[in-house]
PDB file of all heavy atoms in Angstrom:
ATOM      1  N   ARG A   1       0.808  -1.218   0.000  1.00  0.00           N
ATOM      2  CA  ARG A   1       0.000   0.000   0.000  1.00  0.00           C
ATOM      3  C   ARG A   1       0.844   1.274   0.000  1.00  0.00           C
ATOM      4  O   ARG A   1       0.325   2.368   0.216  1.00  0.00           O
ATOM      5  CB  ARG A   1      -0.914   0.010   1.236  1.00  0.00           C
ATOM      6  CG  ARG A   1      -2.008  -1.014   1.162  1.00  0.00           C
ATOM      7  CD  ARG A   1      -2.706  -1.235   2.485  1.00  0.00           C
ATOM      8  NE  ARG A   1      -3.887  -2.056   2.275  1.00  0.00           N
ATOM      9  CZ  ARG A   1      -3.848  -3.370   2.075  1.00  0.00           C
ATOM     10  NH1 ARG A   1      -2.686  -4.020   2.101  1.00  0.00           N
ATOM     11  NH2 ARG A   1      -4.961  -4.042   1.861  1.00  0.00           N
ATOM     12  N   GLY A   2       2.157   1.126  -0.176  1.00  0.00           N
ATOM     13  CA  GLY A   2       3.017   2.294  -0.222  1.00  0.00           C
ATOM     14  C   GLY A   2       3.561   2.720   1.118  1.00  0.00           C
ATOM     15  O   GLY A   2       4.252   3.735   1.215  1.00  0.00           O
ATOM     16  N   HIS A   3       3.256   1.958   2.193  1.00  0.00           N
ATOM     17  CA  HIS A   3       3.801   2.233   3.517  1.00  0.00           C
ATOM     18  C   HIS A   3       5.007   1.326   3.746  1.00  0.00           C
ATOM     19  O   HIS A   3       5.144   0.283   3.115  1.00  0.00           O
ATOM     20  CB  HIS A   3       2.759   1.980   4.611  1.00  0.00           C
ATOM     21  CG  HIS A   3       1.454   2.674   4.381  1.00  0.00           C
ATOM     22  ND1 HIS A   3       1.344   4.036   4.295  1.00  0.00           N
ATOM     23  CD2 HIS A   3       0.210   2.176   4.198  1.00  0.00           C
ATOM     24  CE1 HIS A   3       0.078   4.356   4.091  1.00  0.00           C
ATOM     25  NE2 HIS A   3      -0.631   3.251   4.019  1.00  0.00           N
ATOM     26  N   GLY A   4       5.864   1.700   4.691  1.00  0.00           N
ATOM     27  CA  GLY A   4       6.997   0.827   5.005  1.00  0.00           C
ATOM     28  C   GLY A   4       8.055   0.888   3.933  1.00  0.00           C
ATOM     29  O   GLY A   4       8.086   1.794   3.101  1.00  0.00           O
ATOM     30  N   GLY A   5       8.943  -0.103   3.913  1.00  0.00           N
ATOM     31  CA  GLY A   5      10.112  -0.068   3.044  1.00  0.00           C
ATOM     32  C   GLY A   5       9.856  -0.612   1.654  1.00  0.00           C
ATOM     33  O   GLY A   5       9.036  -1.498   1.454  1.00  0.00           O
ATOM     34  N   GLY A   6      10.576  -0.052   0.687  1.00  0.00           N
ATOM     35  CA  GLY A   6      10.566  -0.583  -0.668  1.00  0.00           C
ATOM     36  C   GLY A   6      10.071   0.378  -1.719  1.00  0.00           C
ATOM     37  O   GLY A   6      10.469   0.304  -2.877  1.00  0.00           O
ATOM     38  N   GLY A   7       9.153   1.285  -1.335  1.00  0.00           N
ATOM     39  CA  GLY A   7       8.677   2.304  -2.251  1.00  0.00           C
ATOM     40  C   GLY A   7       8.084   1.734  -3.531  1.00  0.00           C
ATOM     41  O   GLY A   7       7.408   0.710  -3.543  1.00  0.00           O
ATOM     42  N   ALA A   8       8.391   2.408  -4.638  1.00  0.00           N
ATOM     43  CA  ALA A   8       7.806   2.040  -5.932  1.00  0.00           C
ATOM     44  C   ALA A   8       8.356   0.732  -6.476  1.00  0.00           C
ATOM     45  O   ALA A   8       7.815   0.193  -7.454  1.00  0.00           O
ATOM     46  CB  ALA A   8       8.047   3.169  -6.938  1.00  0.00           C
ATOM     47  N   ASN A   9       9.417   0.191  -5.881  1.00  0.00           N
ATOM     48  CA  ASN A   9       9.959  -1.079  -6.355  1.00  0.00           C
ATOM     49  C   ASN A   9       9.084  -2.270  -5.980  1.00  0.00           C
ATOM     50  O   ASN A   9       9.177  -3.334  -6.603  1.00  0.00           O
ATOM     51  CB  ASN A   9      11.360  -1.308  -5.780  1.00  0.00           C
ATOM     52  CG  ASN A   9      12.414  -0.448  -6.453  1.00  0.00           C
ATOM     53  OD1 ASN A   9      12.308  -0.149  -7.631  1.00  0.00           O
ATOM     54  ND2 ASN A   9      13.417  -0.036  -5.692  1.00  0.00           N
ATOM     55  N   VAL A  10       8.268  -2.130  -4.959  1.00  0.00           N
ATOM     56  CA  VAL A  10       7.525  -3.268  -4.422  1.00  0.00           C
ATOM     57  C   VAL A  10       6.533  -3.801  -5.452  1.00  0.00           C
ATOM     58  O   VAL A  10       5.736  -3.054  -6.025  1.00  0.00           O
ATOM     59  CB  VAL A  10       6.802  -2.879  -3.125  1.00  0.00           C
ATOM     60  CG1 VAL A  10       5.922  -4.032  -2.620  1.00  0.00           C
ATOM     61  CG2 VAL A  10       7.804  -2.480  -2.055  1.00  0.00           C
ATOM     62  N   LEU A  11       6.571  -5.101  -5.682  1.00  0.00           N
ATOM     63  CA  LEU A  11       5.614  -5.778  -6.548  1.00  0.00           C
ATOM     64  C   LEU A  11       4.401  -6.231  -5.743  1.00  0.00           C
ATOM     65  O   LEU A  11       4.538  -6.667  -4.588  1.00  0.00           O
ATOM     66  CB  LEU A  11       6.257  -6.998  -7.199  1.00  0.00           C
ATOM     67  CG  LEU A  11       7.170  -6.759  -8.403  1.00  0.00           C
ATOM     68  CD1 LEU A  11       7.944  -8.032  -8.735  1.00  0.00           C
ATOM     69  CD2 LEU A  11       6.373  -6.287  -9.610  1.00  0.00           C
ATOM     70  N   THR A  12       3.221  -6.158  -6.342  1.00  0.00           N
ATOM     71  CA  THR A  12       2.004  -6.636  -5.698  1.00  0.00           C
ATOM     72  C   THR A  12       1.201  -7.471  -6.688  1.00  0.00           C
ATOM     73  O   THR A  12       1.561  -7.602  -7.865  1.00  0.00           O
ATOM     74  CB  THR A  12       1.127  -5.472  -5.196  1.00  0.00           C
ATOM     75  OG1 THR A  12       0.461  -4.865  -6.328  1.00  0.00           O
ATOM     76  CG2 THR A  12       1.963  -4.421  -4.471  1.00  0.00           C
ATOM     77  N   TYR A  13       0.072  -7.966  -6.228  1.00  0.00           N
ATOM     78  CA  TYR A  13      -0.808  -8.755  -7.089  1.00  0.00           C
ATOM     79  C   TYR A  13      -1.248  -7.982  -8.328  1.00  0.00           C
ATOM     80  O   TYR A  13      -1.670  -8.573  -9.330  1.00  0.00           O
ATOM     81  CB  TYR A  13      -2.030  -9.217  -6.289  1.00  0.00           C
ATOM     82  CG  TYR A  13      -3.028  -8.114  -5.981  1.00  0.00           C
ATOM     83  CD1 TYR A  13      -4.062  -7.815  -6.873  1.00  0.00           C
ATOM     84  CD2 TYR A  13      -2.943  -7.363  -4.813  1.00  0.00           C
ATOM     85  CE1 TYR A  13      -4.976  -6.808  -6.609  1.00  0.00           C
ATOM     86  CE2 TYR A  13      -3.850  -6.356  -4.544  1.00  0.00           C
ATOM     87  CZ  TYR A  13      -4.864  -6.086  -5.445  1.00  0.00           C
ATOM     88  OH  TYR A  13      -5.764  -5.065  -5.184  1.00  0.00           O
ATOM     89  N   LYS A  14      -1.129  -6.659  -8.280  1.00  0.00           N
ATOM     90  CA  LYS A  14      -1.591  -5.838  -9.407  1.00  0.00           C
ATOM     91  C   LYS A  14      -0.673  -5.958 -10.623  1.00  0.00           C
ATOM     92  O   LYS A  14      -1.068  -5.587 -11.733  1.00  0.00           O
ATOM     93  CB  LYS A  14      -1.731  -4.383  -8.966  1.00  0.00           C
ATOM     94  CG  LYS A  14      -2.783  -4.201  -7.864  1.00  0.00           C
ATOM     95  CD  LYS A  14      -2.982  -2.748  -7.482  1.00  0.00           C
ATOM     96  CE  LYS A  14      -4.020  -2.620  -6.381  1.00  0.00           C
ATOM     97  NZ  LYS A  14      -4.368  -1.222  -6.083  1.00  0.00           N
ATOM     98  N   GLU A  15       0.562  -6.415 -10.428  1.00  0.00           N
ATOM     99  CA  GLU A  15       1.483  -6.715 -11.533  1.00  0.00           C
ATOM    100  C   GLU A  15       1.674  -8.233 -11.543  1.00  0.00           C
ATOM    101  O   GLU A  15       2.731  -8.742 -11.189  1.00  0.00           O
ATOM    102  CB  GLU A  15       2.826  -6.011 -11.347  1.00  0.00           C
ATOM    103  CG  GLU A  15       2.737  -4.484 -11.234  1.00  0.00           C
ATOM    104  CD  GLU A  15       2.536  -3.992  -9.812  1.00  0.00           C
ATOM    105  OE1 GLU A  15       2.862  -4.729  -8.870  1.00  0.00           O
ATOM    106  OE2 GLU A  15       2.029  -2.854  -9.648  1.00  0.00           O
ATOM    107  N   SER A  16       0.637  -8.950 -11.950  1.00  0.00           N
ATOM    108  CA  SER A  16       0.548 -10.375 -11.631  1.00  0.00           C
ATOM    109  C   SER A  16       1.668 -11.207 -12.249  1.00  0.00           C
ATOM    110  O   SER A  16       2.176 -12.127 -11.605  1.00  0.00           O
ATOM    111  CB  SER A  16      -0.815 -10.925 -12.037  1.00  0.00           C
ATOM    112  OG  SER A  16      -1.015 -10.810 -13.433  1.00  0.00           O
ATOM    113  N   LYS A  17       2.074 -10.937 -13.492  1.00  0.00           N
ATOM    114  CA  LYS A  17       3.095 -11.776 -14.119  1.00  0.00           C
ATOM    115  C   LYS A  17       4.426 -11.648 -13.393  1.00  0.00           C
ATOM    116  O   LYS A  17       5.044 -12.656 -13.010  1.00  0.00           O
ATOM    117  CB  LYS A  17       3.273 -11.422 -15.588  1.00  0.00           C
ATOM    118  CG  LYS A  17       4.293 -12.323 -16.305  1.00  0.00           C
ATOM    119  CD  LYS A  17       4.328 -12.058 -17.808  1.00  0.00           C
ATOM    120  CE  LYS A  17       5.314 -12.996 -18.509  1.00  0.00           C
ATOM    121  NZ  LYS A  17       5.319 -12.814 -19.981  1.00  0.00           N
ATOM    122  N   GLN A  18       4.877 -10.427 -13.174  1.00  0.00           N
ATOM    123  CA  GLN A  18       6.145 -10.225 -12.474  1.00  0.00           C
ATOM    124  C   GLN A  18       6.049 -10.668 -11.013  1.00  0.00           C
ATOM    125  O   GLN A  18       7.013 -11.172 -10.446  1.00  0.00           O
ATOM    126  CB  GLN A  18       6.577  -8.760 -12.569  1.00  0.00           C
ATOM    127  CG  GLN A  18       7.192  -8.358 -13.898  1.00  0.00           C
ATOM    128  CD  GLN A  18       6.178  -8.391 -15.046  1.00  0.00           C
ATOM    129  OE1 GLN A  18       5.015  -8.043 -14.868  1.00  0.00           O
ATOM    130  NE2 GLN A  18       6.629  -8.800 -16.228  1.00  0.00           N
ATOM    131  N   TYR A  19       4.874 -10.483 -10.430  1.00  0.00           N
ATOM    132  CA  TYR A  19       4.681 -10.899  -9.037  1.00  0.00           C
ATOM    133  C   TYR A  19       4.849 -12.409  -8.901  1.00  0.00           C
ATOM    134  O   TYR A  19       5.527 -12.902  -7.993  1.00  0.00           O
ATOM    135  CB  TYR A  19       3.291 -10.477  -8.558  1.00  0.00           C
ATOM    136  CG  TYR A  19       3.050 -10.724  -7.089  1.00  0.00           C
ATOM    137  CD1 TYR A  19       3.495  -9.824  -6.135  1.00  0.00           C
ATOM    138  CD2 TYR A  19       2.387 -11.865  -6.659  1.00  0.00           C
ATOM    139  CE1 TYR A  19       3.278 -10.047  -4.779  1.00  0.00           C
ATOM    140  CE2 TYR A  19       2.167 -12.103  -5.304  1.00  0.00           C
ATOM    141  CZ  TYR A  19       2.624 -11.180  -4.376  1.00  0.00           C
ATOM    142  OH  TYR A  19       2.418 -11.413  -3.026  1.00  0.00           O
ATOM    143  N   LYS A  20       4.246 -13.155  -9.820  1.00  0.00           N
ATOM    144  CA  LYS A  20       4.370 -14.617  -9.775  1.00  0.00           C
ATOM    145  C   LYS A  20       5.806 -15.050 -10.046  1.00  0.00           C
ATOM    146  O   LYS A  20       6.289 -16.018  -9.440  1.00  0.00           O
ATOM    147  CB  LYS A  20       3.405 -15.247 -10.786  1.00  0.00           C
ATOM    148  CG  LYS A  20       1.946 -15.165 -10.359  1.00  0.00           C
ATOM    149  CD  LYS A  20       1.008 -15.802 -11.354  1.00  0.00           C
ATOM    150  CE  LYS A  20       0.813 -14.977 -12.587  1.00  0.00           C
ATOM    151  NZ  LYS A  20      -0.230 -15.521 -13.481  1.00  0.00           N
ATOM    152  N   MET A  21       6.513 -14.339 -10.924  1.00  0.00           N
ATOM    153  CA  MET A  21       7.914 -14.675 -11.181  1.00  0.00           C
ATOM    154  C   MET A  21       8.759 -14.450  -9.937  1.00  0.00           C
ATOM    155  O   MET A  21       9.585 -15.300  -9.566  1.00  0.00           O
ATOM    156  CB  MET A  21       8.446 -13.832 -12.349  1.00  0.00           C
ATOM    157  CG  MET A  21       7.839 -14.176 -13.693  1.00  0.00           C
ATOM    158  SD  MET A  21       8.340 -13.029 -15.001  1.00  0.00           S
ATOM    159  CE  MET A  21      10.070 -13.504 -15.209  1.00  0.00           C
ATOM    160  N   ALA A  22       8.574 -13.302  -9.303  1.00  0.00           N
ATOM    161  CA  ALA A  22       9.347 -13.002  -8.093  1.00  0.00           C
ATOM    162  C   ALA A  22       9.041 -14.004  -6.985  1.00  0.00           C
ATOM    163  O   ALA A  22       9.942 -14.449  -6.261  1.00  0.00           O
ATOM    164  CB  ALA A  22       9.051 -11.576  -7.620  1.00  0.00           C
ATOM    165  N   THR A  23       7.780 -14.376  -6.844  1.00  0.00           N
ATOM    166  CA  THR A  23       7.396 -15.343  -5.819  1.00  0.00           C
ATOM    167  C   THR A  23       7.968 -16.722  -6.130  1.00  0.00           C
ATOM    168  O   THR A  23       8.424 -17.437  -5.221  1.00  0.00           O
ATOM    169  CB  THR A  23       5.868 -15.410  -5.692  1.00  0.00           C
ATOM    170  OG1 THR A  23       5.364 -14.104  -5.384  1.00  0.00           O
ATOM    171  CG2 THR A  23       5.446 -16.381  -4.606  1.00  0.00           C
ATOM    172  N   ALA A  24       7.969 -17.087  -7.410  1.00  0.00           N
ATOM    173  CA  ALA A  24       8.563 -18.375  -7.799  1.00  0.00           C
ATOM    174  C   ALA A  24      10.048 -18.395  -7.476  1.00  0.00           C
ATOM    175  O   ALA A  24      10.579 -19.411  -6.989  1.00  0.00           O
ATOM    176  CB  ALA A  24       8.326 -18.631  -9.287  1.00  0.00           C
ATOM    177  N   PHE A  25      10.733 -17.286  -7.753  1.00  0.00           N
ATOM    178  CA  PHE A  25      12.160 -17.234  -7.422  1.00  0.00           C
ATOM    179  C   PHE A  25      12.365 -17.371  -5.917  1.00  0.00           C
ATOM    180  O   PHE A  25      13.240 -18.122  -5.464  1.00  0.00           O
ATOM    181  CB  PHE A  25      12.772 -15.921  -7.923  1.00  0.00           C
ATOM    182  CG  PHE A  25      14.241 -15.804  -7.633  1.00  0.00           C
ATOM    183  CD1 PHE A  25      15.185 -16.372  -8.483  1.00  0.00           C
ATOM    184  CD2 PHE A  25      14.699 -15.160  -6.488  1.00  0.00           C
ATOM    185  CE1 PHE A  25      16.545 -16.286  -8.205  1.00  0.00           C
ATOM    186  CE2 PHE A  25      16.046 -15.062  -6.192  1.00  0.00           C
ATOM    187  CZ  PHE A  25      16.975 -15.636  -7.058  1.00  0.00           C
ATOM    188  N   LYS A  26      11.567 -16.655  -5.146  1.00  0.00           N
ATOM    189  CA  LYS A  26      11.684 -16.732  -3.685  1.00  0.00           C
ATOM    190  C   LYS A  26      11.511 -18.164  -3.188  1.00  0.00           C
ATOM    191  O   LYS A  26      12.275 -18.630  -2.329  1.00  0.00           O
ATOM    192  CB  LYS A  26      10.629 -15.827  -3.037  1.00  0.00           C
ATOM    193  CG  LYS A  26      10.603 -15.888  -1.510  1.00  0.00           C
ATOM    194  CD  LYS A  26       9.476 -15.042  -0.942  1.00  0.00           C
ATOM    195  CE  LYS A  26       8.124 -15.641  -1.229  1.00  0.00           C
ATOM    196  NZ  LYS A  26       7.024 -14.857  -0.620  1.00  0.00           N
ATOM    197  N   LEU A  27      10.522 -18.873  -3.727  1.00  0.00           N
ATOM    198  CA  LEU A  27      10.235 -20.225  -3.261  1.00  0.00           C
ATOM    199  C   LEU A  27      11.207 -21.261  -3.814  1.00  0.00           C
ATOM    200  O   LEU A  27      11.402 -22.312  -3.211  1.00  0.00           O
ATOM    201  CB  LEU A  27       8.798 -20.602  -3.616  1.00  0.00           C
ATOM    202  CG  LEU A  27       7.726 -19.843  -2.818  1.00  0.00           C
ATOM    203  CD1 LEU A  27       6.358 -20.033  -3.443  1.00  0.00           C
ATOM    204  CD2 LEU A  27       7.727 -20.273  -1.362  1.00  0.00           C
ATOM    205  N   ALA A  28      11.831 -20.957  -4.945  1.00  0.00           N
ATOM    206  CA  ALA A  28      12.813 -21.885  -5.515  1.00  0.00           C
ATOM    207  C   ALA A  28      14.184 -21.723  -4.887  1.00  0.00           C
ATOM    208  O   ALA A  28      14.978 -22.666  -4.877  1.00  0.00           O
ATOM    209  CB  ALA A  28      12.908 -21.677  -7.026  1.00  0.00           C
ATOM    210  N   HIS A  29      14.459 -20.544  -4.375  1.00  0.00           N
ATOM    211  CA  HIS A  29      15.784 -20.231  -3.826  1.00  0.00           C
ATOM    212  C   HIS A  29      15.822 -20.597  -2.339  1.00  0.00           C
ATOM    213  O   HIS A  29      14.839 -20.394  -1.617  1.00  0.00           O
ATOM    214  CB  HIS A  29      16.071 -18.742  -4.020  1.00  0.00           C
ATOM    215  CG  HIS A  29      17.512 -18.372  -3.883  1.00  0.00           C
ATOM    216  ND1 HIS A  29      18.123 -18.204  -2.650  1.00  0.00           N
ATOM    217  CD2 HIS A  29      18.470 -18.141  -4.809  1.00  0.00           C
ATOM    218  CE1 HIS A  29      19.385 -17.880  -2.846  1.00  0.00           C
ATOM    219  NE2 HIS A  29      19.627 -17.836  -4.127  1.00  0.00           N
ATOM    220  N   PRO A  30      16.938 -21.092  -1.834  1.00  0.00           N
ATOM    221  CA  PRO A  30      16.973 -21.556  -0.440  1.00  0.00           C
ATOM    222  C   PRO A  30      17.070 -20.449   0.614  1.00  0.00           C
ATOM    223  O   PRO A  30      16.969 -20.744   1.806  1.00  0.00           O
ATOM    224  CB  PRO A  30      18.233 -22.435  -0.401  1.00  0.00           C
ATOM    225  CG  PRO A  30      19.108 -21.920  -1.487  1.00  0.00           C
ATOM    226  CD  PRO A  30      18.178 -21.458  -2.574  1.00  0.00           C
ATOM    227  N   PHE A  31      17.239 -19.192   0.211  1.00  0.00           N
ATOM    228  CA  PHE A  31      17.503 -18.147   1.192  1.00  0.00           C
ATOM    229  C   PHE A  31      16.255 -17.759   1.984  1.00  0.00           C
ATOM    230  O   PHE A  31      15.194 -17.498   1.417  1.00  0.00           O
ATOM    231  CB  PHE A  31      18.064 -16.892   0.503  1.00  0.00           C
ATOM    232  CG  PHE A  31      18.437 -15.802   1.475  1.00  0.00           C
ATOM    233  CD1 PHE A  31      19.685 -15.792   2.071  1.00  0.00           C
ATOM    234  CD2 PHE A  31      17.531 -14.816   1.819  1.00  0.00           C
ATOM    235  CE1 PHE A  31      20.032 -14.811   2.984  1.00  0.00           C
ATOM    236  CE2 PHE A  31      17.865 -13.826   2.726  1.00  0.00           C
ATOM    237  CZ  PHE A  31      19.114 -13.820   3.307  1.00  0.00           C
ATOM    238  N   GLY A  32      16.394 -17.689   3.303  1.00  0.00           N
ATOM    239  CA  GLY A  32      15.399 -17.084   4.171  1.00  0.00           C
ATOM    240  C   GLY A  32      14.246 -17.971   4.577  1.00  0.00           C
ATOM    241  O   GLY A  32      14.013 -19.047   4.031  1.00  0.00           O
ATOM    242  N   ILE A  33      13.506 -17.479   5.587  1.00  0.00           N
ATOM    243  CA  ILE A  33      12.238 -18.080   6.013  1.00  0.00           C
ATOM    244  C   ILE A  33      11.153 -17.356   5.239  1.00  0.00           C
ATOM    245  O   ILE A  33      11.034 -16.131   5.311  1.00  0.00           O
ATOM    246  CB  ILE A  33      12.037 -17.928   7.531  1.00  0.00           C
ATOM    247  CG1 ILE A  33      13.148 -18.663   8.281  1.00  0.00           C
ATOM    248  CG2 ILE A  33      10.674 -18.461   7.959  1.00  0.00           C
ATOM    249  CD1 ILE A  33      13.194 -18.350   9.762  1.00  0.00           C
ATOM    250  N   LYS A  34      10.341 -18.077   4.506  1.00  0.00           N
ATOM    251  CA  LYS A  34       9.512 -17.475   3.468  1.00  0.00           C
ATOM    252  C   LYS A  34       8.079 -17.207   3.933  1.00  0.00           C
ATOM    253  O   LYS A  34       7.431 -18.077   4.498  1.00  0.00           O
ATOM    254  CB  LYS A  34       9.510 -18.376   2.232  1.00  0.00           C
ATOM    255  CG  LYS A  34      10.915 -18.551   1.653  1.00  0.00           C
ATOM    256  CD  LYS A  34      11.015 -19.723   0.718  1.00  0.00           C
ATOM    257  CE  LYS A  34      12.419 -19.860   0.142  1.00  0.00           C
ATOM    258  NZ  LYS A  34      13.431 -20.168   1.173  1.00  0.00           N
ATOM    259  N   ARG A  35       7.635 -15.979   3.655  1.00  0.00           N
ATOM    260  CA  ARG A  35       6.243 -15.620   3.925  1.00  0.00           C
ATOM    261  C   ARG A  35       5.585 -15.143   2.635  1.00  0.00           C
ATOM    262  O   ARG A  35       6.195 -14.405   1.865  1.00  0.00           O
ATOM    263  CB  ARG A  35       6.157 -14.503   4.978  1.00  0.00           C
ATOM    264  CG  ARG A  35       4.725 -14.133   5.366  1.00  0.00           C
ATOM    265  CD  ARG A  35       4.696 -13.038   6.416  1.00  0.00           C
ATOM    266  NE  ARG A  35       5.252 -11.795   5.889  1.00  0.00           N
ATOM    267  CZ  ARG A  35       5.600 -10.748   6.646  1.00  0.00           C
ATOM    268  NH1 ARG A  35       5.476 -10.822   7.964  1.00  0.00           N
ATOM    269  NH2 ARG A  35       6.085  -9.654   6.101  1.00  0.00           N
ATOM    270  N   LEU A  36       4.358 -15.591   2.411  1.00  0.00           N
ATOM    271  CA  LEU A  36       3.589 -15.189   1.240  1.00  0.00           C
ATOM    272  C   LEU A  36       2.447 -14.283   1.666  1.00  0.00           C
ATOM    273  O   LEU A  36       1.903 -14.431   2.767  1.00  0.00           O
ATOM    274  CB  LEU A  36       3.027 -16.407   0.508  1.00  0.00           C
ATOM    275  CG  LEU A  36       4.074 -17.382  -0.024  1.00  0.00           C
ATOM    276  CD1 LEU A  36       4.139 -18.619   0.861  1.00  0.00           C
ATOM    277  CD2 LEU A  36       3.789 -17.754  -1.461  1.00  0.00           C
ATOM    278  N   MET A  37       2.073 -13.379   0.798  1.00  0.00           N
ATOM    279  CA  MET A  37       0.971 -12.457   1.065  1.00  0.00           C
ATOM    280  C   MET A  37      -0.298 -12.982   0.428  1.00  0.00           C
ATOM    281  O   MET A  37      -0.286 -13.447  -0.725  1.00  0.00           O
ATOM    282  CB  MET A  37       1.315 -11.077   0.498  1.00  0.00           C
ATOM    283  CG  MET A  37       0.301  -9.988   0.810  1.00  0.00           C
ATOM    284  SD  MET A  37       0.278  -9.602   2.568  1.00  0.00           S
ATOM    285  CE  MET A  37      -1.363  -8.892   2.726  1.00  0.00           C
ATOM    286  N   SER A  38      -1.401 -12.925   1.164  1.00  0.00           N
ATOM    287  CA  SER A  38      -2.714 -13.219   0.604  1.00  0.00           C
ATOM    288  C   SER A  38      -3.600 -12.019   0.873  1.00  0.00           C
ATOM    289  O   SER A  38      -3.962 -11.739   2.019  1.00  0.00           O
ATOM    290  CB  SER A  38      -3.310 -14.484   1.218  1.00  0.00           C
ATOM    291  OG  SER A  38      -4.472 -14.876   0.515  1.00  0.00           O
ATOM    292  N   SER A  39      -3.940 -11.309  -0.191  1.00  0.00           N
ATOM    293  CA  SER A  39      -4.520  -9.968  -0.083  1.00  0.00           C
ATOM    294  C   SER A  39      -6.018  -9.956  -0.305  1.00  0.00           C
ATOM    295  O   SER A  39      -6.614 -10.909  -0.800  1.00  0.00           O
ATOM    296  CB  SER A  39      -3.894  -9.053  -1.146  1.00  0.00           C
ATOM    297  OG  SER A  39      -2.498  -9.160  -1.197  1.00  0.00           O
ATOM    298  N   PHE A  40      -6.610  -8.803  -0.011  1.00  0.00           N
ATOM    299  CA  PHE A  40      -7.909  -8.446  -0.573  1.00  0.00           C
ATOM    300  C   PHE A  40      -7.668  -7.307  -1.555  1.00  0.00           C
ATOM    301  O   PHE A  40      -6.674  -6.582  -1.457  1.00  0.00           O
ATOM    302  CB  PHE A  40      -8.918  -8.053   0.511  1.00  0.00           C
ATOM    303  CG  PHE A  40      -8.483  -6.938   1.429  1.00  0.00           C
ATOM    304  CD1 PHE A  40      -8.612  -5.602   1.055  1.00  0.00           C
ATOM    305  CD2 PHE A  40      -7.957  -7.219   2.687  1.00  0.00           C
ATOM    306  CE1 PHE A  40      -8.216  -4.576   1.905  1.00  0.00           C
ATOM    307  CE2 PHE A  40      -7.560  -6.195   3.547  1.00  0.00           C
ATOM    308  CZ  PHE A  40      -7.690  -4.871   3.148  1.00  0.00           C
ATOM    309  N   ALA A  41      -8.548  -7.160  -2.528  1.00  0.00           N
ATOM    310  CA  ALA A  41      -8.373  -6.123  -3.543  1.00  0.00           C
ATOM    311  C   ALA A  41      -8.595  -4.749  -2.918  1.00  0.00           C
ATOM    312  O   ALA A  41      -9.470  -4.573  -2.069  1.00  0.00           O
ATOM    313  CB  ALA A  41      -9.353  -6.350  -4.688  1.00  0.00           C
TER     314      ALA A  41
END
């Protein structure tokens, strides 16, 4: 929603193709403890 860190770089469900790519990379890569967002419109 534009609050917190990341600014205009942050991907959301509104850019669905790139969002799914970024999420796929996150889940395929071993780094970190992973959290996914489940939003309302």
